[in-house]
Amino acid sequence: MEISSFGQMLQYYGINIAYAVIALVISVIALVLIDKFIYRKIDFIEEIRDGNIAAAIFYSTLLLFVGVVVAIALS
């Protein structure tokens, strides 16, 4: 039985979305592990609330990393 081009497209998008979800989960787990074990003495959210620009830049870089991983997965 042949798969139509529409079926192939759906299969391709399904594989890409699955990859994106897996990459996102791994990225979030990595961010949590980095926050808990490497930077355990620093509360980044509190630092950002206090106006610490360096903490905000660091966290925004991590969020950009997650966005890039997801964007690459969907392309």
C-alpha atoms as a PDB file:
ATOM      1  CA  MET A   1       0.000   0.000   0.000  1.00  0.00           C
ATOM      2  CA  GLU A   2       1.395   3.352  -1.038  1.00  0.00           C
ATOM      3  CA  ILE A   3       1.377   6.414   1.182  1.00  0.00           C
ATOM      4  CA  SER A   4       0.129   9.558  -0.497  1.00  0.00           C
ATOM      5  CA  SER A   5       2.183  12.744  -0.443  1.00  0.00           C
ATOM      6  CA  PHE A   6      -0.232  14.146   2.139  1.00  0.00           C
ATOM      7  CA  GLY A   7       0.343  11.084   4.319  1.00  0.00           C
ATOM      8  CA  GLN A   8       4.093  11.452   3.924  1.00  0.00           C
ATOM      9  CA  MET A   9       3.853  15.099   4.902  1.00  0.00           C
ATOM     10  CA  LEU A  10       1.842  14.239   8.021  1.00  0.00           C
ATOM     11  CA  GLN A  11       4.337  11.543   8.923  1.00  0.00           C
ATOM     12  CA  TYR A  12       7.241  13.968   8.450  1.00  0.00           C
ATOM     13  CA  TYR A  13       5.579  16.632  10.616  1.00  0.00           C
ATOM     14  CA  GLY A  14       4.723  14.045  13.254  1.00  0.00           C
ATOM     15  CA  ILE A  15       8.351  12.947  13.468  1.00  0.00           C
ATOM     16  CA  ASN A  16       9.519  16.573  13.688  1.00  0.00           C
ATOM     17  CA  ILE A  17       7.023  17.424  16.417  1.00  0.00           C
ATOM     18  CA  ALA A  18       8.028  14.327  18.392  1.00  0.00           C
ATOM     19  CA  TYR A  19      11.670  15.350  18.067  1.00  0.00           C
ATOM     20  CA  ALA A  20      10.845  18.890  19.179  1.00  0.00           C
ATOM     21  CA  VAL A  21       8.973  17.650  22.245  1.00  0.00           C
ATOM     22  CA  ILE A  22      11.824  15.318  23.174  1.00  0.00           C
ATOM     23  CA  ALA A  23      14.373  18.104  22.688  1.00  0.00           C
ATOM     24  CA  LEU A  24      12.273  20.505  24.748  1.00  0.00           C
ATOM     25  CA  VAL A  25      11.905  18.018  27.606  1.00  0.00           C
ATOM     26  CA  ILE A  26      15.631  17.294  27.601  1.00  0.00           C
ATOM     27  CA  SER A  27      16.406  21.024  27.533  1.00  0.00           C
ATOM     28  CA  VAL A  28      14.084  21.784  30.437  1.00  0.00           C
ATOM     29  CA  ILE A  29      15.538  18.901  32.450  1.00  0.00           C
ATOM     30  CA  ALA A  30      19.036  20.207  31.709  1.00  0.00           C
ATOM     31  CA  LEU A  31      18.033  23.726  32.800  1.00  0.00           C
ATOM     32  CA  VAL A  32      16.551  22.418  36.052  1.00  0.00           C
ATOM     33  CA  LEU A  33      19.633  20.304  36.763  1.00  0.00           C
ATOM     34  CA  ILE A  34      21.933  23.238  36.049  1.00  0.00           C
ATOM     35  CA  ASP A  35      19.851  25.447  38.329  1.00  0.00           C
ATOM     36  CA  LYS A  36      19.688  22.914  41.174  1.00  0.00           C
ATOM     37  CA  PHE A  37      23.166  21.428  41.149  1.00  0.00           C
ATOM     38  CA  ILE A  38      25.556  23.909  39.570  1.00  0.00           C
ATOM     39  CA  TYR A  39      24.013  27.188  40.719  1.00  0.00           C
ATOM     40  CA  ARG A  40      22.436  25.979  43.955  1.00  0.00           C
ATOM     41  CA  LYS A  41      23.437  29.063  45.959  1.00  0.00           C
ATOM     42  CA  ILE A  42      21.952  31.506  43.447  1.00  0.00           C
ATOM     43  CA  ASP A  43      18.216  32.158  43.169  1.00  0.00           C
ATOM     44  CA  PHE A  44      18.021  33.554  39.659  1.00  0.00           C
ATOM     45  CA  ILE A  45      14.361  34.541  39.847  1.00  0.00           C
ATOM     46  CA  GLU A  46      14.991  36.569  42.991  1.00  0.00           C
ATOM     47  CA  GLU A  47      18.083  38.125  41.435  1.00  0.00           C
ATOM     48  CA  ILE A  48      16.089  39.156  38.377  1.00  0.00           C
ATOM     49  CA  ARG A  49      13.377  40.660  40.593  1.00  0.00           C
ATOM     50  CA  ASP A  50      16.082  42.651  42.390  1.00  0.00           C
ATOM     51  CA  GLY A  51      17.230  44.096  39.069  1.00  0.00           C
ATOM     52  CA  ASN A  52      20.327  41.990  38.408  1.00  0.00           C
ATOM     53  CA  ILE A  53      20.918  42.432  34.675  1.00  0.00           C
ATOM     54  CA  ALA A  54      23.541  39.653  34.455  1.00  0.00           C
ATOM     55  CA  ALA A  55      21.100  37.079  35.847  1.00  0.00           C
ATOM     56  CA  ALA A  56      18.454  38.243  33.380  1.00  0.00           C
ATOM     57  CA  ILE A  57      20.876  37.939  30.464  1.00  0.00           C
ATOM     58  CA  PHE A  58      21.952  34.469  31.593  1.00  0.00           C
ATOM     59  CA  TYR A  59      18.387  33.207  31.907  1.00  0.00           C
ATOM     60  CA  SER A  60      17.348  34.786  28.610  1.00  0.00           C
ATOM     61  CA  THR A  61      20.285  33.040  26.934  1.00  0.00           C
ATOM     62  CA  LEU A  62      19.081  29.717  28.292  1.00  0.00           C
ATOM     63  CA  LEU A  63      15.574  30.427  27.001  1.00  0.00           C
ATOM     64  CA  LEU A  64      16.998  31.347  23.592  1.00  0.00           C
ATOM     65  CA  PHE A  65      18.862  28.028  23.585  1.00  0.00           C
ATOM     66  CA  VAL A  66      15.595  26.165  24.138  1.00  0.00           C
ATOM     67  CA  GLY A  67      13.934  28.204  21.390  1.00  0.00           C
ATOM     68  CA  VAL A  68      16.719  27.462  18.919  1.00  0.00           C
ATOM     69  CA  VAL A  69      16.552  23.742  19.645  1.00  0.00           C
ATOM     70  CA  VAL A  70      12.804  23.701  19.050  1.00  0.00           C
ATOM     71  CA  ALA A  71      13.080  25.836  15.909  1.00  0.00           C
ATOM     72  CA  ILE A  72      15.713  23.548  14.427  1.00  0.00           C
ATOM     73  CA  ALA A  73      13.590  20.527  15.266  1.00  0.00           C
ATOM     74  CA  LEU A  74      10.595  21.940  13.432  1.00  0.00           C
ATOM     75  CA  SER A  75      12.494  23.045  10.342  1.00  0.00           C
END
